[in-house]
PDB file of N, CA and C in Angstrom:
ATOM      1  N   MET A   1      81.475  12.903 -77.727  1.00  0.00           N
ATOM      2  CA  MET A   1      80.742  11.798 -78.323  1.00  0.00           C
ATOM      3  C   MET A   1      79.322  12.256 -78.607  1.00  0.00           C
ATOM      4  N   ALA A   2      78.722  11.722 -79.653  1.00  0.00           N
ATOM      5  CA  ALA A   2      77.375  12.120 -80.046  1.00  0.00           C
ATOM      6  C   ALA A   2      76.446  10.915 -80.030  1.00  0.00           C
ATOM      7  N   ASP A   3      75.199  11.167 -79.640  1.00  0.00           N
ATOM      8  CA  ASP A   3      74.158  10.149 -79.688  1.00  0.00           C
ATOM      9  C   ASP A   3      73.285  10.438 -80.894  1.00  0.00           C
ATOM     10  N   THR A   4      72.818   9.385 -81.593  1.00  0.00           N
ATOM     11  CA  THR A   4      71.954   9.617 -82.751  1.00  0.00           C
ATOM     12  C   THR A   4      70.650   8.856 -82.589  1.00  0.00           C
ATOM     13  N   ASN A   5      69.578   9.465 -83.039  1.00  0.00           N
ATOM     14  CA  ASN A   5      68.243   8.880 -82.996  1.00  0.00           C
ATOM     15  C   ASN A   5      67.462   9.365 -84.207  1.00  0.00           C
ATOM     16  N   TYR A   6      66.413   8.616 -84.563  1.00  0.00           N
ATOM     17  CA  TYR A   6      65.555   9.008 -85.674  1.00  0.00           C
ATOM     18  C   TYR A   6      64.551  10.046 -85.186  1.00  0.00           C
ATOM     19  N   PHE A   7      64.270  11.038 -86.027  1.00  0.00           N
ATOM     20  CA  PHE A   7      63.386  12.133 -85.664  1.00  0.00           C
ATOM     21  C   PHE A   7      62.356  12.347 -86.760  1.00  0.00           C
ATOM     22  N   SER A   8      61.129  12.609 -86.367  1.00  0.00           N
ATOM     23  CA  SER A   8      60.072  12.984 -87.292  1.00  0.00           C
ATOM     24  C   SER A   8      59.228  14.045 -86.603  1.00  0.00           C
ATOM     25  N   GLY A   9      59.061  15.194 -87.262  1.00  0.00           N
ATOM     26  CA  GLY A   9      58.285  16.254 -86.642  1.00  0.00           C
ATOM     27  C   GLY A   9      58.135  17.459 -87.538  1.00  0.00           C
ATOM     28  N   ILE A  10      57.416  18.452 -87.020  1.00  0.00           N
ATOM     29  CA  ILE A  10      57.141  19.682 -87.754  1.00  0.00           C
ATOM     30  C   ILE A  10      58.077  20.767 -87.244  1.00  0.00           C
ATOM     31  N   ILE A  11      58.695  21.496 -88.179  1.00  0.00           N
ATOM     32  CA  ILE A  11      59.611  22.571 -87.822  1.00  0.00           C
ATOM     33  C   ILE A  11      59.197  23.855 -88.533  1.00  0.00           C
ATOM     34  N   LYS A  12      59.648  24.982 -87.995  1.00  0.00           N
ATOM     35  CA  LYS A  12      59.426  26.294 -88.614  1.00  0.00           C
ATOM     36  C   LYS A  12      60.795  26.847 -88.989  1.00  0.00           C
ATOM     37  N   ILE A  13      60.963  27.276 -90.235  1.00  0.00           N
ATOM     38  CA  ILE A  13      62.231  27.816 -90.708  1.00  0.00           C
ATOM     39  C   ILE A  13      62.431  29.212 -90.125  1.00  0.00           C
ATOM     40  N   LEU A  14      63.586  29.422 -89.475  1.00  0.00           N
ATOM     41  CA  LEU A  14      63.875  30.705 -88.837  1.00  0.00           C
ATOM     42  C   LEU A  14      64.778  31.618 -89.657  1.00  0.00           C
ATOM     43  N   GLU A  15      65.586  31.055 -90.546  1.00  0.00           N
ATOM     44  CA  GLU A  15      66.507  31.875 -91.337  1.00  0.00           C
ATOM     45  C   GLU A  15      66.597  31.341 -92.756  1.00  0.00           C
ATOM     46  N   ASN A  16      67.095  32.163 -93.660  1.00  0.00           N
ATOM     47  CA  ASN A  16      67.236  31.743 -95.049  1.00  0.00           C
ATOM     48  C   ASN A  16      68.248  30.611 -95.162  1.00  0.00           C
ATOM     49  N   PRO A  17      67.921  29.584 -95.938  1.00  0.00           N
ATOM     50  CA  PRO A  17      68.855  28.473 -96.115  1.00  0.00           C
ATOM     51  C   PRO A  17      70.136  28.930 -96.806  1.00  0.00           C
ATOM     52  N   THR A  18      71.278  28.447 -96.314  1.00  0.00           N
ATOM     53  CA  THR A  18      72.566  28.726 -96.942  1.00  0.00           C
ATOM     54  C   THR A  18      73.086  27.438 -97.555  1.00  0.00           C
ATOM     55  N   GLN A  19      73.557  27.548 -98.783  1.00  0.00           N
ATOM     56  CA  GLN A  19      74.007  26.370 -99.519  1.00  0.00           C
ATOM     57  C   GLN A  19      75.518  26.419 -99.718  1.00  0.00           C
ATOM     58  N   ILE A  20      76.166  25.283 -99.499  1.00  0.00           N
ATOM     59  CA  ILE A  20      77.604  25.140 -99.702  1.00  0.00           C
ATOM     60  C   ILE A  20      77.819  23.960-100.633  1.00  0.00           C
ATOM     61  N   ILE A  21      78.671  24.149-101.633  1.00  0.00           N
ATOM     62  CA  ILE A  21      78.998  23.047-102.543  1.00  0.00           C
ATOM     63  C   ILE A  21      80.403  22.574-102.213  1.00  0.00           C
ATOM     64  N   LEU A  22      80.527  21.302-101.898  1.00  0.00           N
ATOM     65  CA  LEU A  22      81.826  20.730-101.578  1.00  0.00           C
ATOM     66  C   LEU A  22      82.607  20.542-102.873  1.00  0.00           C
ATOM     67  N   ASN A  23      83.800  21.106-102.957  1.00  0.00           N
ATOM     68  CA  ASN A  23      84.591  21.108-104.186  1.00  0.00           C
ATOM     69  C   ASN A  23      85.019  19.720-104.628  1.00  0.00           C
ATOM     70  N   LYS A  24      85.393  18.893-103.685  1.00  0.00           N
ATOM     71  CA  LYS A  24      85.954  17.595-104.033  1.00  0.00           C
ATOM     72  C   LYS A  24      84.961  16.714-104.786  1.00  0.00           C
ATOM     73  N   ASN A  25      83.755  16.578-104.274  1.00  0.00           N
ATOM     74  CA  ASN A  25      82.758  15.695-104.871  1.00  0.00           C
ATOM     75  C   ASN A  25      81.615  16.435-105.556  1.00  0.00           C
ATOM     76  N   LYS A  26      81.614  17.771-105.475  1.00  0.00           N
ATOM     77  CA  LYS A  26      80.544  18.608-106.027  1.00  0.00           C
ATOM     78  C   LYS A  26      79.171  18.221-105.477  1.00  0.00           C
ATOM     79  N   ILE A  27      79.140  17.923-104.188  1.00  0.00           N
ATOM     80  CA  ILE A  27      77.896  17.613-103.486  1.00  0.00           C
ATOM     81  C   ILE A  27      77.470  18.863-102.723  1.00  0.00           C
ATOM     82  N   SER A  28      76.208  19.225-102.851  1.00  0.00           N
ATOM     83  CA  SER A  28      75.734  20.427-102.179  1.00  0.00           C
ATOM     84  C   SER A  28      75.121  20.087-100.825  1.00  0.00           C
ATOM     85  N   THR A  29      75.319  20.991 -99.882  1.00  0.00           N
ATOM     86  CA  THR A  29      74.695  20.891 -98.568  1.00  0.00           C
ATOM     87  C   THR A  29      74.000  22.211 -98.279  1.00  0.00           C
ATOM     88  N   THR A  30      72.857  22.124 -97.651  1.00  0.00           N
ATOM     89  CA  THR A  30      72.106  23.303 -97.253  1.00  0.00           C
ATOM     90  C   THR A  30      71.865  23.224 -95.761  1.00  0.00           C
ATOM     91  N   THR A  31      72.113  24.324 -95.055  1.00  0.00           N
ATOM     92  CA  THR A  31      71.902  24.356 -93.611  1.00  0.00           C
ATOM     93  C   THR A  31      71.094  25.596 -93.234  1.00  0.00           C
ATOM     94  N   PHE A  32      70.327  25.471 -92.178  1.00  0.00           N
ATOM     95  CA  PHE A  32      69.651  26.618 -91.588  1.00  0.00           C
ATOM     96  C   PHE A  32      69.138  26.234 -90.210  1.00  0.00           C
ATOM     97  N   ARG A  33      68.789  27.253 -89.422  1.00  0.00           N
ATOM     98  CA  ARG A  33      68.236  27.022 -88.098  1.00  0.00           C
ATOM     99  C   ARG A  33      66.719  26.944 -88.191  1.00  0.00           C
ATOM    100  N   ALA A  34      66.141  26.098 -87.348  1.00  0.00           N
ATOM    101  CA  ALA A  34      64.688  25.930 -87.341  1.00  0.00           C
ATOM    102  C   ALA A  34      64.214  25.750 -85.899  1.00  0.00           C
ATOM    103  N   GLU A  35      62.930  25.959 -85.717  1.00  0.00           N
ATOM    104  CA  GLU A  35      62.311  25.826 -84.395  1.00  0.00           C
ATOM    105  C   GLU A  35      61.384  24.624 -84.401  1.00  0.00           C
ATOM    106  N   LEU A  36      61.466  23.797 -83.365  1.00  0.00           N
ATOM    107  CA  LEU A  36      60.550  22.665 -83.225  1.00  0.00           C
ATOM    108  C   LEU A  36      59.211  23.200 -82.749  1.00  0.00           C
ATOM    109  N   SER A  37      58.158  22.965 -83.514  1.00  0.00           N
ATOM    110  CA  SER A  37      56.872  23.591 -83.210  1.00  0.00           C
ATOM    111  C   SER A  37      56.039  22.819 -82.192  1.00  0.00           C
ATOM    112  N   GLN A  38      56.353  21.567 -81.924  1.00  0.00           N
ATOM    113  CA  GLN A  38      55.534  20.788 -81.003  1.00  0.00           C
ATOM    114  C   GLN A  38      55.862  21.065 -79.536  1.00  0.00           C
ATOM    115  N   ILE A  39      57.007  21.617 -79.258  1.00  0.00           N
ATOM    116  CA  ILE A  39      57.453  21.816 -77.884  1.00  0.00           C
ATOM    117  C   ILE A  39      56.952  23.157 -77.373  1.00  0.00           C
ATOM    118  N   ARG A  40      56.504  23.163 -76.126  1.00  0.00           N
ATOM    119  CA  ARG A  40      55.951  24.396 -75.558  1.00  0.00           C
ATOM    120  C   ARG A  40      57.010  25.487 -75.443  1.00  0.00           C
ATOM    121  N   LYS A  41      58.176  25.124 -74.944  1.00  0.00           N
ATOM    122  CA  LYS A  41      59.264  26.094 -74.894  1.00  0.00           C
ATOM    123  C   LYS A  41      59.997  26.046 -76.222  1.00  0.00           C
ATOM    124  N   SER A  42      60.440  27.184 -76.677  1.00  0.00           N
ATOM    125  CA  SER A  42      61.094  27.275 -77.977  1.00  0.00           C
ATOM    126  C   SER A  42      62.419  26.502 -77.975  1.00  0.00           C
ATOM    127  N   LYS A  43      62.568  25.572 -78.903  1.00  0.00           N
ATOM    128  CA  LYS A  43      63.799  24.807 -79.073  1.00  0.00           C
ATOM    129  C   LYS A  43      64.304  25.040 -80.485  1.00  0.00           C
ATOM    130  N   VAL A  44      65.503  25.580 -80.606  1.00  0.00           N
ATOM    131  CA  VAL A  44      66.096  25.868 -81.905  1.00  0.00           C
ATOM    132  C   VAL A  44      67.126  24.792 -82.218  1.00  0.00           C
ATOM    133  N   VAL A  45      67.051  24.249 -83.437  1.00  0.00           N
ATOM    134  CA  VAL A  45      67.970  23.208 -83.884  1.00  0.00           C
ATOM    135  C   VAL A  45      68.560  23.618 -85.228  1.00  0.00           C
ATOM    136  N   SER A  46      69.655  22.975 -85.601  1.00  0.00           N
ATOM    137  CA  SER A  46      70.245  23.181 -86.927  1.00  0.00           C
ATOM    138  C   SER A  46      69.842  22.025 -87.813  1.00  0.00           C
ATOM    139  N   LEU A  47      69.461  22.322 -89.054  1.00  0.00           N
ATOM    140  CA  LEU A  47      69.091  21.292 -90.019  1.00  0.00           C
ATOM    141  C   LEU A  47      70.140  21.232 -91.114  1.00  0.00           C
ATOM    142  N   VAL A  48      70.463  20.008 -91.567  1.00  0.00           N
ATOM    143  CA  VAL A  48      71.430  19.798 -92.638  1.00  0.00           C
ATOM    144  C   VAL A  48      70.771  18.940 -93.710  1.00  0.00           C
ATOM    145  N   PHE A  49      70.861  19.388 -94.965  1.00  0.00           N
ATOM    146  CA  PHE A  49      70.317  18.665 -96.115  1.00  0.00           C
ATOM    147  C   PHE A  49      71.468  18.378 -97.069  1.00  0.00           C
ATOM    148  N   TRP A  50      71.446  17.222 -97.733  1.00  0.00           N
ATOM    149  CA  TRP A  50      72.509  16.811 -98.650  1.00  0.00           C
ATOM    150  C   TRP A  50      71.947  16.552-100.044  1.00  0.00           C
ATOM    151  N   GLY A  51      72.780  16.763-101.075  1.00  0.00           N
ATOM    152  CA  GLY A  51      72.482  16.365-102.446  1.00  0.00           C
ATOM    153  C   GLY A  51      71.338  17.118-103.085  1.00  0.00           C
ATOM    154  N   THR A  52      70.501  16.383-103.833  1.00  0.00           N
ATOM    155  CA  THR A  52      69.393  17.018-104.557  1.00  0.00           C
ATOM    156  C   THR A  52      68.350  17.587-103.598  1.00  0.00           C
ATOM    157  N   LEU A  53      68.198  16.965-102.445  1.00  0.00           N
ATOM    158  CA  LEU A  53      67.271  17.493-101.437  1.00  0.00           C
ATOM    159  C   LEU A  53      67.726  18.878-100.980  1.00  0.00           C
ATOM    160  N   ALA A  54      69.024  19.086-100.885  1.00  0.00           N
ATOM    161  CA  ALA A  54      69.565  20.396-100.505  1.00  0.00           C
ATOM    162  C   ALA A  54      69.197  21.451-101.538  1.00  0.00           C
ATOM    163  N   ASN A  55      69.285  21.104-102.812  1.00  0.00           N
ATOM    164  CA  ASN A  55      68.911  22.054-103.872  1.00  0.00           C
ATOM    165  C   ASN A  55      67.427  22.382-103.840  1.00  0.00           C
ATOM    166  N   GLU A  56      66.587  21.386-103.615  1.00  0.00           N
ATOM    167  CA  GLU A  56      65.144  21.601-103.572  1.00  0.00           C
ATOM    168  C   GLU A  56      64.746  22.487-102.399  1.00  0.00           C
ATOM    169  N   VAL A  57      65.341  22.247-101.232  1.00  0.00           N
ATOM    170  CA  VAL A  57      65.015  23.049-100.053  1.00  0.00           C
ATOM    171  C   VAL A  57      65.416  24.496-100.274  1.00  0.00           C
ATOM    172  N   LYS A  58      66.590  24.725-100.833  1.00  0.00           N
ATOM    173  CA  LYS A  58      67.070  26.084-101.109  1.00  0.00           C
ATOM    174  C   LYS A  58      66.145  26.797-102.099  1.00  0.00           C
ATOM    175  N   THR A  59      65.623  26.053-103.085  1.00  0.00           N
ATOM    176  CA  THR A  59      64.792  26.647-104.129  1.00  0.00           C
ATOM    177  C   THR A  59      63.368  26.950-103.667  1.00  0.00           C
ATOM    178  N   TYR A  60      62.735  26.018-102.958  1.00  0.00           N
ATOM    179  CA  TYR A  60      61.294  26.111-102.720  1.00  0.00           C
ATOM    180  C   TYR A  60      60.873  26.646-101.361  1.00  0.00           C
ATOM    181  N   TYR A  61      61.709  26.617-100.358  1.00  0.00           N
ATOM    182  CA  TYR A  61      61.271  26.988 -99.017  1.00  0.00           C
ATOM    183  C   TYR A  61      61.961  28.247 -98.540  1.00  0.00           C
ATOM    184  N   GLN A  62      61.257  29.004 -97.683  1.00  0.00           N
ATOM    185  CA  GLN A  62      61.757  30.274 -97.197  1.00  0.00           C
ATOM    186  C   GLN A  62      61.418  30.438 -95.717  1.00  0.00           C
ATOM    187  N   VAL A  63      61.796  31.572 -95.161  1.00  0.00           N
ATOM    188  CA  VAL A  63      61.576  31.859 -93.742  1.00  0.00           C
ATOM    189  C   VAL A  63      60.090  31.807 -93.421  1.00  0.00           C
ATOM    190  N   ASN A  64      59.750  31.284 -92.252  1.00  0.00           N
ATOM    191  CA  ASN A  64      58.388  31.151 -91.706  1.00  0.00           C
ATOM    192  C   ASN A  64      57.567  30.046 -92.365  1.00  0.00           C
ATOM    193  N   ASP A  65      58.164  29.207 -93.183  1.00  0.00           N
ATOM    194  CA  ASP A  65      57.478  28.033 -93.712  1.00  0.00           C
ATOM    195  C   ASP A  65      57.548  26.910 -92.690  1.00  0.00           C
ATOM    196  N   TYR A  66      56.502  26.085 -92.658  1.00  0.00           N
ATOM    197  CA  TYR A  66      56.485  24.920 -91.791  1.00  0.00           C
ATOM    198  C   TYR A  66      56.696  23.674 -92.646  1.00  0.00           C
ATOM    199  N   LEU A  67      57.558  22.787 -92.168  1.00  0.00           N
ATOM    200  CA  LEU A  67      57.868  21.558 -92.898  1.00  0.00           C
ATOM    201  C   LEU A  67      57.742  20.364 -91.966  1.00  0.00           C
ATOM    202  N   LEU A  68      57.297  19.246 -92.525  1.00  0.00           N
ATOM    203  CA  LEU A  68      57.333  17.971 -91.824  1.00  0.00           C
ATOM    204  C   LEU A  68      58.602  17.277 -92.299  1.00  0.00           C
ATOM    205  N   ILE A  69      59.495  16.954 -91.356  1.00  0.00           N
ATOM    206  CA  ILE A  69      60.779  16.378 -91.742  1.00  0.00           C
ATOM    207  C   ILE A  69      60.994  15.028 -91.076  1.00  0.00           C
ATOM    208  N   ASN A  70      61.788  14.187 -91.729  1.00  0.00           N
ATOM    209  CA  ASN A  70      62.257  12.913 -91.185  1.00  0.00           C
ATOM    210  C   ASN A  70      63.766  12.901 -91.304  1.00  0.00           C
ATOM    211  N   GLY A  71      64.443  12.462 -90.255  1.00  0.00           N
ATOM    212  CA  GLY A  71      65.895  12.416 -90.317  1.00  0.00           C
ATOM    213  C   GLY A  71      66.492  11.924 -89.016  1.00  0.00           C
ATOM    214  N   TYR A  72      67.799  12.062 -88.925  1.00  0.00           N
ATOM    215  CA  TYR A  72      68.532  11.617 -87.741  1.00  0.00           C
ATOM    216  C   TYR A  72      68.982  12.814 -86.931  1.00  0.00           C
ATOM    217  N   ILE A  73      68.730  12.730 -85.630  1.00  0.00           N
ATOM    218  CA  ILE A  73      69.089  13.813 -84.722  1.00  0.00           C
ATOM    219  C   ILE A  73      70.371  13.425 -83.998  1.00  0.00           C
ATOM    220  N   SER A  74      71.259  14.374 -83.875  1.00  0.00           N
ATOM    221  CA  SER A  74      72.488  14.134 -83.116  1.00  0.00           C
ATOM    222  C   SER A  74      72.676  15.265 -82.121  1.00  0.00           C
ATOM    223  N   VAL A  75      73.111  14.912 -80.942  1.00  0.00           N
ATOM    224  CA  VAL A  75      73.337  15.870 -79.871  1.00  0.00           C
ATOM    225  C   VAL A  75      74.815  15.814 -79.514  1.00  0.00           C
ATOM    226  N   LYS A  76      75.463  16.963 -79.614  1.00  0.00           N
ATOM    227  CA  LYS A  76      76.886  17.037 -79.297  1.00  0.00           C
ATOM    228  C   LYS A  76      77.076  17.930 -78.084  1.00  0.00           C
ATOM    229  N   ASN A  77      77.852  17.466 -77.150  1.00  0.00           N
ATOM    230  CA  ASN A  77      78.178  18.261 -75.978  1.00  0.00           C
ATOM    231  C   ASN A  77      79.374  19.140 -76.295  1.00  0.00           C
ATOM    232  N   GLU A  78      79.249  20.418 -76.024  1.00  0.00           N
ATOM    233  CA  GLU A  78      80.349  21.350 -76.213  1.00  0.00           C
ATOM    234  C   GLU A  78      80.895  21.707 -74.840  1.00  0.00           C
ATOM    235  N   LYS A  79      82.127  21.323 -74.587  1.00  0.00           N
ATOM    236  CA  LYS A  79      82.759  21.629 -73.307  1.00  0.00           C
ATOM    237  C   LYS A  79      83.617  22.875 -73.460  1.00  0.00           C
ATOM    238  N   HIS A  80      83.474  23.774 -72.512  1.00  0.00           N
ATOM    239  CA  HIS A  80      84.230  25.016 -72.531  1.00  0.00           C
ATOM    240  C   HIS A  80      85.327  24.936 -71.479  1.00  0.00           C
ATOM    241  N   ARG A  81      86.485  25.469 -71.803  1.00  0.00           N
ATOM    242  CA  ARG A  81      87.596  25.476 -70.844  1.00  0.00           C
ATOM    243  C   ARG A  81      87.367  26.500 -69.747  1.00  0.00           C
ATOM    244  N   ASN A  82      86.654  27.551 -70.084  1.00  0.00           N
ATOM    245  CA  ASN A  82      86.360  28.590 -69.107  1.00  0.00           C
ATOM    246  C   ASN A  82      85.269  28.071 -68.174  1.00  0.00           C
ATOM    247  N   LEU A  83      85.501  28.067 -66.896  1.00  0.00           N
ATOM    248  CA  LEU A  83      84.556  27.499 -65.932  1.00  0.00           C
ATOM    249  C   LEU A  83      83.318  28.372 -65.727  1.00  0.00           C
ATOM    250  N   THR A  84      83.378  29.638 -66.119  1.00  0.00           N
ATOM    251  CA  THR A  84      82.215  30.505 -65.927  1.00  0.00           C
ATOM    252  C   THR A  84      81.142  30.268 -66.981  1.00  0.00           C
ATOM    253  N   ILE A  85      81.520  29.661 -68.125  1.00  0.00           N
ATOM    254  CA  ILE A  85      80.552  29.365 -69.175  1.00  0.00           C
ATOM    255  C   ILE A  85      80.069  27.936 -68.993  1.00  0.00           C
ATOM    256  N   LYS A  86      78.757  27.751 -69.010  1.00  0.00           N
ATOM    257  CA  LYS A  86      78.188  26.418 -68.856  1.00  0.00           C
ATOM    258  C   LYS A  86      78.425  25.587 -70.104  1.00  0.00           C
ATOM    259  N   ASN A  87      78.552  24.274 -69.931  1.00  0.00           N
ATOM    260  CA  ASN A  87      78.634  23.376 -71.077  1.00  0.00           C
ATOM    261  C   ASN A  87      77.290  23.385 -71.790  1.00  0.00           C
ATOM    262  N   SER A  88      77.316  23.374 -73.101  1.00  0.00           N
ATOM    263  CA  SER A  88      76.079  23.453 -73.864  1.00  0.00           C
ATOM    264  C   SER A  88      75.957  22.255 -74.804  1.00  0.00           C
ATOM    265  N   LYS A  89      74.741  22.021 -75.250  1.00  0.00           N
ATOM    266  CA  LYS A  89      74.473  20.931 -76.186  1.00  0.00           C
ATOM    267  C   LYS A  89      74.008  21.524 -77.504  1.00  0.00           C
ATOM    268  N   GLN A  90      74.575  21.044 -78.593  1.00  0.00           N
ATOM    269  CA  GLN A  90      74.196  21.496 -79.916  1.00  0.00           C
ATOM    270  C   GLN A  90      73.404  20.377 -80.577  1.00  0.00           C
ATOM    271  N   VAL A  91      72.175  20.682 -81.017  1.00  0.00           N
ATOM    272  CA  VAL A  91      71.301  19.700 -81.644  1.00  0.00           C
ATOM    273  C   VAL A  91      71.310  19.935 -83.150  1.00  0.00           C
ATOM    274  N   THR A  92      71.645  18.883 -83.909  1.00  0.00           N
ATOM    275  CA  THR A  92      71.663  18.936 -85.366  1.00  0.00           C
ATOM    276  C   THR A  92      70.826  17.797 -85.905  1.00  0.00           C
ATOM    277  N   ILE A  93      69.998  18.086 -86.902  1.00  0.00           N
ATOM    278  CA  ILE A  93      69.186  17.047 -87.548  1.00  0.00           C
ATOM    279  C   ILE A  93      69.627  16.945 -89.001  1.00  0.00           C
ATOM    280  N   THR A  94      70.053  15.750 -89.409  1.00  0.00           N
ATOM    281  CA  THR A  94      70.359  15.474 -90.803  1.00  0.00           C
ATOM    282  C   THR A  94      69.081  14.964 -91.443  1.00  0.00           C
ATOM    283  N   VAL A  95      68.504  15.762 -92.335  1.00  0.00           N
ATOM    284  CA  VAL A  95      67.170  15.503 -92.871  1.00  0.00           C
ATOM    285  C   VAL A  95      67.252  14.575 -94.083  1.00  0.00           C
ATOM    286  N   LEU A  96      66.383  13.554 -94.087  1.00  0.00           N
ATOM    287  CA  LEU A  96      66.311  12.602 -95.197  1.00  0.00           C
ATOM    288  C   LEU A  96      65.105  12.855 -96.096  1.00  0.00           C
ATOM    289  N   LYS A  97      63.980  13.273 -95.508  1.00  0.00           N
ATOM    290  CA  LYS A  97      62.755  13.527 -96.272  1.00  0.00           C
ATOM    291  C   LYS A  97      62.113  14.818 -95.786  1.00  0.00           C
ATOM    292  N   VAL A  98      61.496  15.544 -96.725  1.00  0.00           N
ATOM    293  CA  VAL A  98      60.820  16.809 -96.416  1.00  0.00           C
ATOM    294  C   VAL A  98      59.447  16.804 -97.059  1.00  0.00           C
ATOM    295  N   TYR A  99      58.453  17.228 -96.290  1.00  0.00           N
ATOM    296  CA  TYR A  99      57.092  17.377 -96.801  1.00  0.00           C
ATOM    297  C   TYR A  99      56.608  18.766 -96.431  1.00  0.00           C
ATOM    298  N   PRO A 100      56.118  19.566 -97.392  1.00  0.00           N
ATOM    299  CA  PRO A 100      55.600  20.893 -97.044  1.00  0.00           C
ATOM    300  C   PRO A 100      54.352  20.749 -96.181  1.00  0.00           C
ATOM    301  N   PHE A 101      54.293  21.502 -95.102  1.00  0.00           N
ATOM    302  CA  PHE A 101      53.153  21.433 -94.192  1.00  0.00           C
ATOM    303  C   PHE A 101      52.317  22.700 -94.310  1.00  0.00           C
ATOM    304  N   PHE A 102      52.943  23.834 -94.170  1.00  0.00           N
ATOM    305  CA  PHE A 102      52.271  25.123 -94.330  1.00  0.00           C
ATOM    306  C   PHE A 102      53.302  26.080 -94.909  1.00  0.00           C
ATOM    307  N   CYS A 103      53.189  26.370 -96.210  1.00  0.00           N
ATOM    308  CA  CYS A 103      54.185  27.181 -96.909  1.00  0.00           C
ATOM    309  C   CYS A 103      53.524  28.281 -97.699  1.00  0.00           C
ATOM    310  N   LYS A 104      54.261  29.358 -97.858  1.00  0.00           N
ATOM    311  CA  LYS A 104      53.812  30.434 -98.741  1.00  0.00           C
ATOM    312  C   LYS A 104      54.075  30.002-100.168  1.00  0.00           C
ATOM    313  N   PRO A 105      53.151  30.242-101.072  1.00  0.00           N
ATOM    314  CA  PRO A 105      53.410  29.863-102.469  1.00  0.00           C
ATOM    315  C   PRO A 105      54.466  30.768-103.082  1.00  0.00           C
ATOM    316  N   ASN A 106      55.423  30.149-103.769  1.00  0.00           N
ATOM    317  CA  ASN A 106      56.427  30.923-104.496  1.00  0.00           C
ATOM    318  C   ASN A 106      55.803  31.411-105.792  1.00  0.00           C
ATOM    319  N   LEU A 107      55.838  32.717-106.007  1.00  0.00           N
ATOM    320  CA  LEU A 107      55.239  33.292-107.197  1.00  0.00           C
ATOM    321  C   LEU A 107      56.210  33.157-108.354  1.00  0.00           C
ATOM    322  N   ILE A 108      55.732  32.618-109.455  1.00  0.00           N
ATOM    323  CA  ILE A 108      56.530  32.465-110.652  1.00  0.00           C
ATOM    324  C   ILE A 108      56.226  33.653-111.553  1.00  0.00           C
ATOM    325  N   PRO A 109      57.246  34.409-111.953  1.00  0.00           N
ATOM    326  CA  PRO A 109      56.965  35.568-112.804  1.00  0.00           C
ATOM    327  C   PRO A 109      56.416  35.138-114.156  1.00  0.00           C
ATOM    328  N   ASN A 110      55.521  35.956-114.695  1.00  0.00           N
ATOM    329  CA  ASN A 110      54.939  35.669-116.012  1.00  0.00           C
ATOM    330  C   ASN A 110      55.982  35.835-117.091  1.00  0.00           C
ATOM    331  N   LYS A 111      56.019  34.905-118.022  1.00  0.00           N
ATOM    332  CA  LYS A 111      56.944  35.009-119.145  1.00  0.00           C
ATOM    333  C   LYS A 111      56.330  35.902-120.215  1.00  0.00           C
ATOM    334  N   ILE A 112      57.137  36.794-120.724  1.00  0.00           N
ATOM    335  CA  ILE A 112      56.684  37.674-121.801  1.00  0.00           C
ATOM    336  C   ILE A 112      57.075  37.034-123.114  1.00  0.00           C
ATOM    337  N   THR A 113      56.086  36.755-123.953  1.00  0.00           N
ATOM    338  CA  THR A 113      56.373  36.129-125.245  1.00  0.00           C
ATOM    339  C   THR A 113      55.977  37.024-126.381  1.00  0.00           C
TER     340      THR A 113
END
């Protein structure tokens, strides 16, 4: 079972966004891992973006960019059958809004005319 709550905070992108297009509805999703910057100990979460927001995130943001995000956080407990492995929690945030906080400018190549 998963619990959901609203989340707003600053994150740092840790890996390049990967985009998947769902064949049935042709809706794009973008996922990547990010670090919550407000917490003293490093906390890594997975971010999920849907639709046009997914395309924008894939196009404009890259590794080491900081973003202010709003969305819903869900925590899922993963139970392992092997008793030597501890049960773990997977944190996923479904992002609804994104605001650039500290980003590297994307250089647009000059057009030759």
